[in-house]
Protein backbone atom coordinates (compact mmCIF):
# COMPACT_ATOMS: atom_id res chain seq x y z
CA MET A 1 -0.01 0.01 0.00
CA SER A 2 2.86 2.42 0.72
CA ASN A 3 4.13 1.97 -2.87
CA LEU A 4 0.98 3.59 -4.22
CA ARG A 5 1.35 6.66 -2.02
CA ASN A 6 4.99 7.22 -2.90
CA LYS A 7 4.46 7.26 -6.65
CA LYS A 8 4.72 10.69 -8.25
CA LYS A 9 2.05 11.84 -10.63
CA ARG A 10 3.33 12.15 -14.18
CA ARG A 11 3.67 15.70 -15.38
CA ARG A 12 1.53 16.51 -18.38
CA ASN A 13 3.51 17.35 -21.51
CA TYR A 14 2.47 20.62 -23.11
CA LYS A 15 3.14 21.68 -26.66
CA TYR A 16 3.94 25.33 -27.14
CA HIS A 17 3.68 27.34 -30.32
CA SER A 18 5.35 30.64 -30.94
CA VAL A 19 3.25 33.55 -32.16
CA THR A 20 5.00 36.75 -33.23
CA PHE A 21 3.76 40.11 -34.31
CA LYS A 22 5.23 43.56 -34.67
CA LEU A 23 4.45 46.73 -32.72
CA THR A 24 5.42 50.27 -33.47
CA SER A 25 7.82 51.88 -31.02
CA GLY A 26 4.96 53.98 -29.64
CA GLN A 27 2.80 50.89 -29.06
CA TYR A 28 5.71 49.12 -27.38
CA LYS A 29 6.42 52.09 -25.09
CA SER A 30 2.75 52.23 -24.21
CA ILE A 31 2.68 48.55 -23.27
CA LYS A 32 5.89 48.86 -21.26
CA ASN A 33 4.58 51.85 -19.32
CA TYR A 34 1.24 50.18 -18.64
CA CYS A 35 2.94 46.98 -17.47
CA LYS A 36 5.30 48.90 -15.22
CA ALA A 37 2.35 50.72 -13.62
CA ARG A 38 0.36 47.51 -13.17
CA ARG A 39 3.42 45.45 -12.12
CA THR A 40 2.92 42.80 -14.78
CA THR A 41 4.74 41.66 -17.91
CA PRO A 42 3.79 42.29 -21.56
CA ILE A 43 3.25 38.55 -22.13
CA LYS A 44 0.85 38.29 -19.17
CA LEU A 45 -0.97 41.41 -20.34
CA ILE A 46 -1.43 40.09 -23.87
CA LYS A 47 -2.47 36.60 -22.72
CA LYS A 48 -5.02 38.07 -20.30
CA SER A 49 -6.38 40.32 -23.06
CA ILE A 50 -6.98 37.43 -25.50
CA GLU A 51 -7.96 34.87 -22.88
CA ARG A 52 -11.54 34.51 -24.04
CA PHE A 53 -10.33 33.66 -27.55
CA ILE A 54 -7.63 31.18 -26.56
CA SER A 55 -9.61 29.24 -23.97
CA ASN A 56 -13.07 28.66 -25.49
CA TYR A 57 -12.53 27.38 -28.99
CA GLU A 58 -9.89 24.67 -28.66
CA TYR A 59 -12.00 21.91 -30.20
CA GLU A 60 -14.94 23.51 -31.95
CA VAL A 61 -16.17 26.95 -32.96
CA PRO A 62 -19.93 27.55 -32.76
CA GLN A 63 -21.61 27.86 -36.15
CA GLU A 64 -22.91 31.39 -35.48
CA LEU A 65 -19.32 32.70 -35.21
CA TYR A 66 -18.41 31.72 -38.77
CA LEU A 67 -18.54 34.48 -41.38
CA THR A 68 -21.04 34.20 -44.21
CA GLU A 69 -20.69 35.62 -47.70
CA ASN A 70 -22.88 38.64 -46.98
CA GLN A 71 -21.55 39.32 -43.50
CA LEU A 72 -21.06 43.05 -43.97
CA GLU A 73 -24.34 44.95 -43.79
CA LEU A 74 -23.93 48.69 -43.53
CA PHE A 75 -27.65 49.39 -43.26
CA ASP A 76 -30.50 47.31 -41.88
CA PHE A 77 -33.12 47.77 -44.61
CA ASP A 78 -35.93 46.27 -42.47
CA GLU A 79 -35.31 48.92 -39.83
CA ILE A 80 -35.30 51.72 -42.45
CA ASN A 81 -38.53 50.45 -44.06
CA ASN A 82 -40.35 50.18 -40.71
CA SER A 83 -39.50 53.76 -39.75
């Protein structure tokens, strides 16, 4: 019985992917100043900002989030006609 208690749990292996993008020097200064004031890092700030996108759609995206051919509608004609 003591053998079962002494066994360590296996650590889960994670795969990481690198994502890069460019910022202007003004954008970078802005992020650095914000992070300094909030005592955080740029990576933590960016991950927190996009958290809802990186945590909800790992396996499947709901059908209503897909774009259709006529996605852009500048005016709602039904609303104009009813006025």
